[in-house]
Amino acid sequence: MDLTPLLSPHSIAVVGANDRPGSYADNVLANLDRSGFPGPVWGVNPKRAGSRVRDRDCFATLADLPQAPDAVVVAIPAAGVVESVREA
């Protein structure tokens, strides 16, 4: 199994994207900004779909993204993690 996309992704989706200071998703997005990640980073959050989070487009589901991401950060409560991993 080739793990290159996971270890050196060209695109990333953050499930649970929000801009609430101190939240895991906000910290991930801020760190990607600070690190200068050059590829697309999309937010996934049905409550924020059609808007922007930290200047990133936000979509309702992973299936709604313009392309499949190389890596997915799951930053939601435990109850939704299994479903998000299955969708990924």
Protein backbone atom coordinates (compact mmCIF):
# COMPACT_ATOMS: atom_id res chain seq x y z
CA MET A 1 0.00 0.00 0.00
CA ASP A 2 1.39 3.39 -1.04
CA LEU A 3 1.15 5.83 1.90
CA THR A 4 2.67 8.77 -0.02
CA PRO A 5 -0.64 10.66 -0.38
CA LEU A 6 -1.23 10.44 3.37
CA LEU A 7 2.33 11.36 4.38
CA SER A 8 2.81 14.03 1.73
CA PRO A 9 -0.70 15.09 0.68
CA HIS A 10 -1.48 17.43 -2.17
CA SER A 11 -4.96 18.20 -0.77
CA ILE A 12 -6.59 18.03 2.66
CA ALA A 13 -10.17 18.05 3.95
CA VAL A 14 -10.98 19.05 7.52
CA VAL A 15 -14.22 17.43 8.69
CA GLY A 16 -15.84 19.60 11.33
CA ALA A 17 -14.25 22.80 10.01
CA ASN A 18 -15.06 25.86 12.07
CA ASP A 19 -13.41 29.08 13.15
CA ARG A 20 -14.13 28.76 16.86
CA PRO A 21 -10.88 29.80 18.61
CA GLY A 22 -9.23 26.91 20.40
CA SER A 23 -11.17 24.17 18.63
CA TYR A 24 -9.21 21.30 17.10
CA ALA A 25 -10.48 22.09 13.59
CA ASP A 26 -9.59 25.77 13.92
CA ASN A 27 -6.10 24.84 15.16
CA VAL A 28 -5.59 22.45 12.23
CA LEU A 29 -6.65 25.11 9.71
CA ALA A 30 -4.46 27.74 11.39
CA ASN A 31 -1.47 25.39 11.38
CA LEU A 32 -1.97 24.61 7.68
CA ASP A 33 -2.03 28.37 7.01
CA ARG A 34 1.09 28.98 9.13
CA SER A 35 2.98 26.11 7.50
CA GLY A 36 2.21 27.46 4.04
CA PHE A 37 0.56 24.24 2.84
CA PRO A 38 0.40 24.83 -0.91
CA GLY A 39 -2.48 22.57 -1.92
CA PRO A 40 -6.23 22.85 -1.62
CA VAL A 41 -7.67 22.65 1.89
CA TRP A 42 -11.43 22.27 2.15
CA GLY A 43 -13.70 22.48 5.14
CA VAL A 44 -16.43 19.89 5.59
CA ASN A 45 -19.28 20.88 7.87
CA PRO A 46 -22.95 20.67 6.90
CA LYS A 47 -23.73 23.70 9.08
CA ARG A 48 -21.14 25.79 7.24
CA ALA A 49 -21.68 24.47 3.68
CA GLY A 50 -21.62 27.22 1.08
CA SER A 51 -19.67 29.54 3.36
CA ARG A 52 -15.99 29.98 4.12
CA VAL A 53 -14.04 28.99 7.22
CA ARG A 54 -10.64 30.65 7.64
CA ASP A 55 -10.91 31.74 4.02
CA ARG A 56 -11.46 28.15 2.83
CA ASP A 57 -14.52 26.87 0.98
CA CYS A 58 -16.72 24.68 3.14
CA PHE A 59 -18.84 21.76 1.90
CA ALA A 60 -21.59 19.68 3.49
CA THR A 61 -19.92 16.28 2.94
CA LEU A 62 -16.69 14.77 1.65
CA ALA A 63 -18.62 13.62 -1.43
CA ASP A 64 -19.36 17.28 -2.27
CA LEU A 65 -15.67 18.23 -2.58
CA PRO A 66 -14.41 19.18 -6.05
CA GLN A 67 -11.97 16.23 -5.90
CA ALA A 68 -11.06 13.46 -3.50
CA PRO A 69 -8.59 14.73 -0.86
CA ASP A 70 -5.31 12.93 -0.21
CA ALA A 71 -5.76 13.33 3.56
CA VAL A 72 -8.74 13.88 5.83
CA VAL A 73 -8.57 15.36 9.32
CA VAL A 74 -11.60 14.32 11.37
CA ALA A 75 -12.28 16.99 13.99
CA ILE A 76 -15.76 16.13 15.20
CA PRO A 77 -17.27 14.48 18.28
CA ALA A 78 -16.67 10.74 18.58
CA ALA A 79 -20.24 9.82 17.65
CA GLY A 80 -19.68 10.92 14.04
CA VAL A 81 -16.14 9.70 13.48
CA VAL A 82 -16.94 6.21 12.16
CA GLU A 83 -19.34 7.60 9.54
CA SER A 84 -16.76 10.20 8.45
CA VAL A 85 -14.03 7.59 8.14
CA ARG A 86 -16.34 5.37 6.08
CA GLU A 87 -17.15 8.29 3.79
CA ALA A 88 -13.45 9.07 3.40
